[in-house]
Amino acid sequence: MKRVMLLAAAGLAAAAGLFAGAADAQCPPREKIQQVIARFEAPDRSLVALQPTEFENLCEVQVRLNQRVHIFYTGPSGDFLIMGQLYEAKTGRNLTREKIEQVNLFSAEEMQRLEALTVIRLGEGPKTVYYATDPHCPYCKKGEETLKKLAAQGEITARILFFPLDSYKDSRPQSIAVICDKKSLDDFHNGYLSANQCAEGERVVEETREILSRKGVTGTPTYIFADARYHSGLLEEAELRRRLGLPAAAAGAKPGKAK
């Protein structure tokens, strides 16, 4: 009997020849993968999907662990699982992240909670987007300029969520202080900090972190759309418009001033 291997990798190599080939990889029986998953320590574990990828002899395994779907990869034999990031060599797209964003949808209840956890609202347009940001994130500030522009033009309502990252030790107290002292988004990014660490501010920050982290969000900026899908990473205006179902910006249009 062959030994079943469970491999955890920091990333899958994106060399063109590694998995290049036909898209109809033969996947192992579901029962075999379920036997591997049964050995996981997580109390809540189940196989969600097993399907071929566009790469030869490489199958995608979607596993639900503690209410969140994780992506693994395996071969036709099913004798191993690899957890890591799969990149498309030609485009540099992170295929694993794209799939995680597709399958870890926010529930209607979670979307309602995010609405209640909104710290700052920009605009009153017909299209709504939630935007998770950190006070030290330079890409967040750039993304907010686009949100301010679209909000000023009456196209969107942007609901700002504070999602302080652990990589910055003062992100959490800054976020809480801005909430407690009812400061602006500019104050948020300009380093505002006070001793006012009120219970309400702590609750808003911790609940936001809990909901987003459970869906696999680990970085900022993160956009959450009305269809319950999310995207982590800065979106240029054209792509944001596409995802929101907005018409393309008119050629040569001047940027609108944010209010």
Foldseek 3Di string as FASTA:
>chain_A
DDAAEEEEDAADDQPCPPFADAQQAAAEDPVLLQVVQVPDPAPDKDWDDWATGRGHQKIWTWMDGPNETAIWIGGRVNSYTYGYWHAHVVPRDGPRQVVLLVPLFDDPVRVVVLVVLFQDKAADAPFEKEKEDWLADPLSVVLVLLVLQCRVVRHYIYGYAYAHAVVDVCRLQLQQQCSQVVHDPVCSNVDDGDPPNDPVSNVSHVVVNVSCVRSPDRDDTKMAGPVRGIDHDHDDNQVVCVVRVHDGDDPPDDGGDGD
